[in-house]
N, C-alpha and C. Protein backbone atom coordinates (compact mmCIF):
# COMPACT_ATOMS: atom_id res chain seq x y z
N MET A 1 14.21 -14.63 -19.74
CA MET A 1 13.67 -13.25 -19.06
C MET A 1 14.51 -12.70 -17.94
N TYR A 2 14.24 -11.08 -17.81
CA TYR A 2 15.02 -10.59 -16.78
C TYR A 2 14.04 -10.89 -14.84
N GLN A 3 15.27 -10.10 -14.48
CA GLN A 3 15.12 -10.00 -13.16
C GLN A 3 14.10 -8.62 -12.68
N VAL A 4 13.13 -8.39 -12.38
CA VAL A 4 12.80 -6.89 -12.16
C VAL A 4 12.61 -6.83 -10.62
N THR A 5 13.26 -5.27 -11.07
CA THR A 5 13.78 -4.41 -9.21
C THR A 5 12.52 -3.03 -9.63
N PHE A 6 11.77 -2.66 -7.70
CA PHE A 6 10.88 -1.54 -8.02
C PHE A 6 11.10 -0.28 -7.18
N SER A 7 11.02 1.15 -7.97
CA SER A 7 11.36 2.06 -7.11
C SER A 7 10.42 1.69 -6.02
N ALA A 8 10.74 2.64 -5.29
CA ALA A 8 10.20 3.49 -3.57
C ALA A 8 8.46 3.16 -3.92
N GLN A 9 8.56 4.52 -5.18
CA GLN A 9 7.16 4.71 -5.70
C GLN A 9 6.14 3.86 -5.81
N ALA A 10 6.84 3.09 -7.21
CA ALA A 10 6.76 1.94 -7.62
C ALA A 10 5.94 1.11 -6.81
N MET A 11 6.31 0.70 -6.06
CA MET A 11 6.14 -0.35 -5.08
C MET A 11 4.49 0.05 -4.18
N HIS A 12 5.09 1.20 -4.41
CA HIS A 12 3.79 2.17 -3.30
C HIS A 12 2.14 1.76 -4.36
N GLU A 13 2.20 2.27 -5.52
CA GLU A 13 1.21 1.54 -6.07
C GLU A 13 1.00 0.70 -6.39
N LEU A 14 2.19 -0.36 -6.46
CA LEU A 14 1.40 -1.62 -6.50
C LEU A 14 0.71 -2.14 -5.09
N ASN A 15 1.70 -1.47 -3.98
CA ASN A 15 0.57 -2.39 -2.70
C ASN A 15 -0.42 -2.03 -2.66
N GLN A 16 -1.08 0.00 -3.46
CA GLN A 16 -2.50 0.23 -3.22
C GLN A 16 -3.63 -0.56 -3.88
N LEU A 17 -3.35 -2.16 -4.73
CA LEU A 17 -3.61 -2.03 -6.15
C LEU A 17 -3.86 -3.72 -4.91
N ASP A 18 -5.45 -4.43 -5.55
CA ASP A 18 -5.97 -5.69 -5.03
C ASP A 18 -5.12 -6.47 -5.84
N LYS A 19 -4.69 -7.80 -4.46
CA LYS A 19 -3.75 -8.69 -5.39
C LYS A 19 -3.97 -9.63 -6.33
N LEU A 20 -4.99 -9.36 -7.09
CA LEU A 20 -5.06 -10.29 -8.19
C LEU A 20 -4.76 -9.29 -9.17
N VAL A 21 -5.36 -7.89 -9.22
CA VAL A 21 -5.24 -6.94 -10.16
C VAL A 21 -3.12 -6.60 -10.03
N GLN A 22 -2.77 -6.90 -9.23
CA GLN A 22 -1.43 -6.68 -9.10
C GLN A 22 -0.39 -7.63 -10.01
N LEU A 23 -1.60 -8.87 -9.44
CA LEU A 23 -0.92 -9.95 -11.41
C LEU A 23 -1.45 -10.15 -12.55
N ASP A 24 -1.99 -9.25 -12.44
CA ASP A 24 -2.78 -8.93 -13.53
C ASP A 24 -1.94 -8.32 -14.08
N VAL A 25 -1.24 -6.72 -13.21
CA VAL A 25 -0.81 -5.52 -14.17
C VAL A 25 0.92 -5.83 -14.22
N LEU A 26 1.23 -6.32 -13.27
CA LEU A 26 2.66 -7.43 -13.65
C LEU A 26 2.88 -8.52 -15.50
N GLU A 27 1.77 -9.23 -14.96
CA GLU A 27 2.06 -10.33 -15.72
C GLU A 27 3.15 -9.05 -17.17
N PRO A 28 2.83 -8.46 -18.13
CA PRO A 28 3.38 -7.96 -18.57
C PRO A 28 4.72 -7.78 -18.86
N MET A 29 5.23 -6.88 -17.58
CA MET A 29 6.65 -6.47 -17.26
C MET A 29 7.52 -7.93 -16.62
N THR A 30 7.05 -8.39 -16.39
CA THR A 30 7.72 -9.39 -16.22
C THR A 30 8.13 -10.51 -18.01
N SER A 31 7.46 -10.97 -18.58
CA SER A 31 7.09 -11.41 -19.60
C SER A 31 7.91 -10.57 -20.88
N ILE A 32 8.49 -9.85 -20.81
CA ILE A 32 9.43 -8.80 -22.29
C ILE A 32 10.37 -9.44 -22.11
N ARG A 33 11.08 -10.20 -23.43
CA ARG A 33 12.50 -9.82 -23.66
C ARG A 33 12.94 -9.23 -24.50
N PRO A 34 14.17 -10.08 -24.28
CA PRO A 34 15.76 -9.02 -25.02
C PRO A 34 15.25 -8.45 -26.31
N GLU A 35 14.76 -9.10 -27.63
CA GLU A 35 14.51 -8.15 -28.45
C GLU A 35 13.50 -7.57 -28.77
N GLU A 36 12.32 -7.52 -27.53
CA GLU A 36 10.99 -6.63 -28.02
C GLU A 36 12.07 -4.75 -27.39
N LEU A 37 12.71 -5.05 -26.14
CA LEU A 37 12.83 -4.21 -25.94
C LEU A 37 14.30 -3.19 -27.20
N ALA A 38 15.07 -4.57 -27.18
CA ALA A 38 15.63 -3.89 -28.55
C ALA A 38 15.29 -3.49 -30.02
N HIS A 39 13.79 -3.56 -30.50
CA HIS A 39 12.83 -3.32 -30.94
C HIS A 39 11.23 -3.13 -30.86
N PRO A 40 11.01 -1.70 -29.77
CA PRO A 40 9.78 -1.01 -29.19
C PRO A 40 8.66 -1.61 -29.98
N ARG A 41 8.03 -1.69 -29.87
CA ARG A 41 6.11 -1.48 -30.55
C ARG A 41 5.24 -1.81 -29.54
N GLU A 42 3.97 -1.29 -29.94
CA GLU A 42 3.05 -1.03 -29.28
C GLU A 42 2.51 -2.54 -28.52
N PRO A 43 2.45 -2.49 -26.92
CA PRO A 43 2.09 -1.48 -25.93
C PRO A 43 3.72 -1.58 -25.22
N LEU A 44 4.89 -1.18 -25.72
CA LEU A 44 5.79 -1.35 -25.03
C LEU A 44 6.81 0.27 -26.06
N GLY A 45 7.06 0.99 -25.14
CA GLY A 45 8.23 2.52 -25.62
C GLY A 45 9.05 2.65 -25.17
N ARG A 46 10.10 4.03 -26.53
CA ARG A 46 11.18 4.42 -25.97
C ARG A 46 11.62 5.45 -25.66
N PHE A 47 12.40 5.95 -24.92
CA PHE A 47 12.27 7.95 -25.17
C PHE A 47 14.32 7.84 -24.16
N HIS A 48 13.96 8.50 -24.42
CA HIS A 48 15.37 9.40 -23.37
C HIS A 48 15.10 10.12 -22.99
N ARG A 49 15.84 10.62 -21.26
CA ARG A 49 15.30 11.06 -20.42
C ARG A 49 17.21 11.69 -19.87
N GLY A 50 17.39 12.73 -20.72
CA GLY A 50 19.07 13.48 -20.35
C GLY A 50 19.75 12.15 -21.31
N GLN A 51 20.66 12.18 -20.73
CA GLN A 51 21.02 10.61 -20.63
C GLN A 51 20.92 9.31 -20.50
N LYS A 52 19.72 9.12 -19.79
CA LYS A 52 19.42 8.22 -19.32
C LYS A 52 17.99 7.62 -20.93
N GLU A 53 17.88 6.34 -20.71
CA GLU A 53 17.14 5.34 -21.97
C GLU A 53 15.88 5.59 -21.15
N PHE A 54 15.16 5.09 -21.31
CA PHE A 54 13.55 5.29 -20.69
C PHE A 54 12.48 4.05 -21.26
N TYR A 55 12.12 3.00 -20.76
CA TYR A 55 11.31 2.33 -21.75
C TYR A 55 9.63 2.25 -20.95
N ARG A 56 8.91 2.49 -21.51
CA ARG A 56 7.03 2.73 -21.18
C ARG A 56 6.43 1.22 -21.52
N LEU A 57 5.75 1.09 -20.50
CA LEU A 57 5.12 -0.14 -21.02
C LEU A 57 3.69 -0.24 -20.76
N ARG A 58 2.51 0.26 -21.32
CA ARG A 58 1.78 0.54 -21.09
C ARG A 58 0.79 -1.31 -20.22
N ALA A 59 0.29 -1.96 -19.78
CA ALA A 59 -0.51 -2.91 -18.95
C ALA A 59 -1.75 -2.71 -18.48
N GLY A 60 -3.31 -2.61 -18.93
CA GLY A 60 -3.89 -2.18 -18.25
C GLY A 60 -4.04 -0.51 -18.52
N ASP A 61 -4.53 -0.27 -16.95
CA ASP A 61 -4.82 1.33 -17.39
C ASP A 61 -3.57 1.93 -16.36
N PHE A 62 -3.09 1.29 -16.78
CA PHE A 62 -1.30 1.26 -15.85
C PHE A 62 -0.11 1.79 -16.57
N ARG A 63 0.34 2.79 -16.59
CA ARG A 63 2.27 2.55 -16.98
C ARG A 63 3.07 2.50 -16.51
N PHE A 64 4.12 1.76 -16.86
CA PHE A 64 5.57 1.17 -15.99
C PHE A 64 6.61 1.73 -17.32
N TYR A 65 7.10 2.89 -16.15
CA TYR A 65 7.93 3.41 -17.10
C TYR A 65 9.56 3.23 -16.53
N PHE A 66 10.84 2.11 -16.77
CA PHE A 66 11.25 1.50 -16.55
C PHE A 66 12.89 1.51 -17.32
N GLU A 67 13.75 1.57 -16.69
CA GLU A 67 15.64 1.64 -17.18
C GLU A 67 15.73 -0.26 -17.38
N ALA A 68 16.83 -0.33 -18.74
CA ALA A 68 17.44 -1.77 -18.58
C ALA A 68 19.26 -2.16 -17.84
N HIS A 69 18.71 -2.45 -17.85
CA HIS A 69 20.57 -2.69 -17.13
C HIS A 69 20.91 -4.09 -17.18
N GLY A 70 21.28 -4.90 -18.80
CA GLY A 70 22.16 -5.80 -18.63
C GLY A 70 20.58 -6.97 -17.81
N GLU A 71 20.52 -7.60 -17.85
CA GLU A 71 19.93 -8.87 -16.80
C GLU A 71 18.57 -7.99 -16.30
N SER A 72 18.77 -7.14 -15.40
CA SER A 72 17.32 -6.45 -15.24
C SER A 72 16.82 -4.97 -14.92
N LEU A 73 15.67 -5.37 -14.54
CA LEU A 73 15.48 -4.09 -15.63
C LEU A 73 14.20 -3.36 -13.74
N HIS A 74 14.45 -2.64 -14.11
CA HIS A 74 14.44 -1.36 -12.85
C HIS A 74 13.05 -0.29 -12.94
N VAL A 75 11.71 -0.11 -12.52
CA VAL A 75 10.75 0.17 -12.76
C VAL A 75 10.71 1.23 -11.98
N ASN A 76 10.57 2.77 -12.73
CA ASN A 76 11.09 3.50 -11.93
C ASN A 76 9.60 4.04 -10.91
N TYR A 77 8.90 3.81 -11.67
CA TYR A 77 7.33 4.71 -11.77
C TYR A 77 6.34 3.94 -12.65
N ILE A 78 5.11 3.53 -11.91
CA ILE A 78 4.20 3.12 -12.16
C ILE A 78 3.34 4.35 -12.00
N LEU A 79 1.90 4.70 -12.85
CA LEU A 79 1.59 5.82 -13.20
C LEU A 79 0.08 5.44 -14.00
N HIS A 80 -1.47 5.93 -13.24
CA HIS A 80 -2.39 5.54 -14.03
C HIS A 80 -2.46 6.46 -15.17
N LYS A 81 -2.40 5.20 -16.14
CA LYS A 81 -2.73 6.45 -18.20
C LYS A 81 -4.02 8.01 -17.78
N ASN A 82 -4.58 8.36 -17.40
CA ASN A 82 -4.88 9.41 -17.77
C ASN A 82 -4.52 10.37 -16.13
N SER A 83 -3.76 9.96 -15.90
CA SER A 83 -2.66 10.79 -14.53
C SER A 83 -2.16 12.62 -15.01
N LEU A 84 -2.27 12.79 -14.02
CA LEU A 84 -1.17 14.38 -15.30
C LEU A 84 0.22 13.89 -14.96
N GLU A 85 0.25 13.18 -13.66
CA GLU A 85 2.37 12.16 -13.68
C GLU A 85 2.70 11.49 -15.13
N ASP A 86 2.04 10.86 -15.76
CA ASP A 86 2.07 10.76 -17.19
C ASP A 86 2.02 10.94 -18.06
N PHE A 87 1.14 12.14 -18.16
CA PHE A 87 1.58 12.73 -19.16
C PHE A 87 2.47 13.68 -18.58
N LEU A 88 3.08 13.72 -17.64
CA LEU A 88 4.79 15.06 -17.80
C LEU A 88 5.65 13.77 -18.64
N LEU A 89 5.52 12.87 -17.70
CA LEU A 89 6.38 11.87 -18.33
C LEU A 89 6.79 11.39 -20.26
N ARG A 90 4.82 11.10 -19.78
CA ARG A 90 5.61 11.18 -21.91
C ARG A 90 5.55 11.92 -22.39
N ASN A 91 5.80 13.73 -22.45
CA ASN A 91 5.66 14.38 -22.89
C ASN A 91 7.08 15.36 -22.27
N LYS A 92 8.07 13.97 -21.01
CA LYS A 92 9.75 14.78 -21.53
C LYS A 92 9.63 16.38 -20.41
N LEU A 93 8.12 16.48 -20.26
CA LEU A 93 8.48 17.39 -19.30
C LEU A 93 9.58 17.80 -17.94
N PRO A 94 10.11 18.37 -17.37
CA PRO A 94 11.09 18.25 -16.04
C PRO A 94 9.72 18.06 -14.94
N VAL A 95 10.25 16.66 -14.15
CA VAL A 95 9.47 16.05 -13.26
C VAL A 95 10.07 15.04 -12.24
N SER A 96 10.57 15.79 -10.94
CA SER A 96 11.65 14.56 -10.65
C SER A 96 10.78 13.48 -9.16
N GLU A 97 11.38 12.99 -9.21
CA GLU A 97 10.51 11.78 -8.67
C GLU A 97 9.28 12.67 -7.57
N GLN A 98 10.47 13.11 -6.57
CA GLN A 98 9.60 13.91 -5.44
C GLN A 98 8.75 14.71 -5.86
N GLN A 99 8.27 15.72 -6.66
CA GLN A 99 7.67 16.44 -7.47
C GLN A 99 6.49 14.96 -7.75
N LEU A 100 6.90 14.06 -8.01
CA LEU A 100 5.72 13.02 -8.47
C LEU A 100 4.61 12.97 -7.01
N VAL A 101 5.61 12.48 -6.22
CA VAL A 101 4.87 12.26 -5.62
C VAL A 101 4.30 13.57 -4.45
N GLU A 102 4.63 14.85 -4.84
CA GLU A 102 4.42 15.39 -3.69
C GLU A 102 2.46 15.90 -4.79
N GLN A 103 2.91 15.46 -5.95
CA GLN A 103 1.36 16.65 -6.33
C GLN A 103 1.04 14.97 -6.36
N HIS A 104 0.66 14.32 -6.63
CA HIS A 104 0.10 12.65 -6.76
C HIS A 104 -1.01 12.75 -5.19
N SER A 105 0.06 13.28 -3.59
CA SER A 105 -0.85 13.77 -2.43
C SER A 105 -1.21 14.70 -2.05
N LYS A 106 -0.99 15.53 -2.80
CA LYS A 106 -1.48 16.87 -2.54
C LYS A 106 -1.53 17.99 -3.58
N PHE A 107 -1.83 17.59 -4.56
CA PHE A 107 -2.81 18.34 -5.90
C PHE A 107 -4.30 17.77 -5.63
N TRP A 108 -3.91 15.44 -5.82
CA TRP A 108 -5.09 15.81 -6.30
C TRP A 108 -5.84 15.89 -5.39
N LYS A 109 -5.49 15.76 -3.55
CA LYS A 109 -6.80 15.92 -2.45
C LYS A 109 -6.84 17.25 -2.56
N TYR A 110 -5.83 18.43 -3.11
CA TYR A 110 -6.72 20.25 -3.46
C TYR A 110 -8.49 19.96 -4.26
N LEU A 111 -7.49 19.55 -5.77
CA LEU A 111 -8.16 19.17 -6.56
C LEU A 111 -9.99 18.67 -5.54
N GLU A 112 -9.58 17.45 -5.28
CA GLU A 112 -10.76 17.17 -4.89
C GLU A 112 -11.93 18.16 -3.30
N SER A 113 -10.97 18.64 -2.99
CA SER A 113 -11.74 19.70 -2.27
C SER A 113 -12.17 20.69 -2.53
N LEU A 114 -11.75 21.19 -3.85
CA LEU A 114 -12.55 22.21 -4.30
C LEU A 114 -14.77 21.75 -4.98
N THR A 115 -14.19 20.52 -5.29
CA THR A 115 -15.44 19.81 -5.21
C THR A 115 -16.29 19.98 -4.87
N LYS A 116 -15.92 19.45 -3.60
CA LYS A 116 -16.90 19.37 -1.84
C LYS A 116 -17.06 20.47 -0.97
N LYS A 117 -16.66 21.78 -1.74
CA LYS A 117 -17.19 22.68 -1.34
C LYS A 117 -18.52 23.32 -1.94
């Protein structure tokens, strides 16, 4: 069993969910086995971004993007499956964590404001 840690962005996303939903979403992440990381199959995937190796885990409506470091897994991002941020990460387009936070908090509010006019 791996020790799982979370970035600030991942914790922020988790904290916005109901406690029971958190448990459902986290269950697949906490039950990953080493052999699954060695040979990932759906709902788990692996990709490289620069010199880093990332994994993606689909859990319900969310996607966990994480790195493996020995006996621990560090979740860098938790993104909703149909979000712009998820699309950018899946397609390996350049985006930083700061850009993800900015887009999430400002870009979506801007789009919502357009529909209210």
